[in-house]
């Protein structure tokens, strides 16, 4: 699970609640809808998505 800002994607730890994610300093709600990107770890799409974007590990 990731969320994205203008420059990169930020992975979300499985232990984080939605409230914690929404309070993250880089998380932005657009038009009233929070957006998370969900991929299957190790899938071809996940590998492609991570290579295509800058991943900011926090």
Protein backbone atom coordinates (compact mmCIF):
# COMPACT_ATOMS: atom_id res chain seq x y z
CA UNK A 1 0.00 0.00 0.00
CA UNK A 2 1.30 3.42 -0.98
CA UNK A 3 0.16 6.99 -1.21
CA UNK A 4 1.59 9.51 -3.57
CA UNK A 5 2.62 13.12 -3.49
CA UNK A 6 3.76 15.15 -6.48
CA UNK A 7 7.32 13.78 -6.56
CA UNK A 8 7.23 10.26 -5.12
CA UNK A 9 5.29 7.38 -3.62
CA UNK A 10 5.37 6.63 0.09
CA UNK A 11 4.90 3.05 1.32
CA UNK A 12 2.44 2.55 4.17
CA UNK A 13 3.21 0.06 6.94
CA UNK A 14 0.53 -2.59 7.54
CA UNK A 15 0.29 -1.53 11.17
CA UNK A 16 -0.79 2.06 10.36
CA UNK A 17 -4.43 3.02 10.80
CA UNK A 18 -6.26 5.16 8.27
CA UNK A 19 -6.26 8.02 10.79
CA UNK A 20 -2.46 7.82 11.09
CA UNK A 21 -2.08 7.82 7.30
CA UNK A 22 -4.39 10.82 6.90
CA UNK A 23 -2.31 12.78 9.45
CA UNK A 24 0.96 12.13 7.61
CA UNK A 25 2.58 15.45 6.66
CA UNK A 26 2.83 14.46 2.97
CA UNK A 27 -0.65 12.95 2.59
CA UNK A 28 -3.08 15.11 0.62
CA UNK A 29 -6.83 14.58 0.29
CA UNK A 30 -8.03 15.62 -3.15
CA UNK A 31 -11.65 16.71 -3.60
CA UNK A 32 -12.59 15.13 -0.27
CA UNK A 33 -11.41 11.62 -1.19
CA UNK A 34 -8.29 10.01 0.28
CA UNK A 35 -6.41 7.93 -2.28
CA UNK A 36 -4.22 4.91 -1.56
CA UNK A 37 -2.49 2.70 -4.13
CA UNK A 38 -2.72 -1.02 -3.38
CA UNK A 39 -0.46 -3.53 -5.16
CA UNK A 40 0.40 -7.18 -4.62
CA UNK A 41 3.93 -7.31 -3.22
CA UNK A 42 6.30 -9.12 -5.57
CA UNK A 43 3.91 -8.96 -8.54
CA UNK A 44 5.13 -7.75 -11.93
CA UNK A 45 2.97 -4.65 -11.57
CA UNK A 46 4.39 -3.86 -8.12
CA UNK A 47 7.95 -4.17 -9.45
CA UNK A 48 7.08 -2.00 -12.47
CA UNK A 49 5.33 0.61 -10.30
CA UNK A 50 8.24 0.84 -7.86
CA UNK A 51 10.77 1.20 -10.71
CA UNK A 52 8.64 3.83 -12.46
CA UNK A 53 8.30 6.02 -9.35
CA UNK A 54 10.64 7.39 -6.72
CA UNK A 55 9.94 5.45 -3.51
CA UNK A 56 10.41 7.45 -0.32
CA UNK A 57 11.07 5.01 2.51
CA UNK A 58 10.18 6.53 5.88
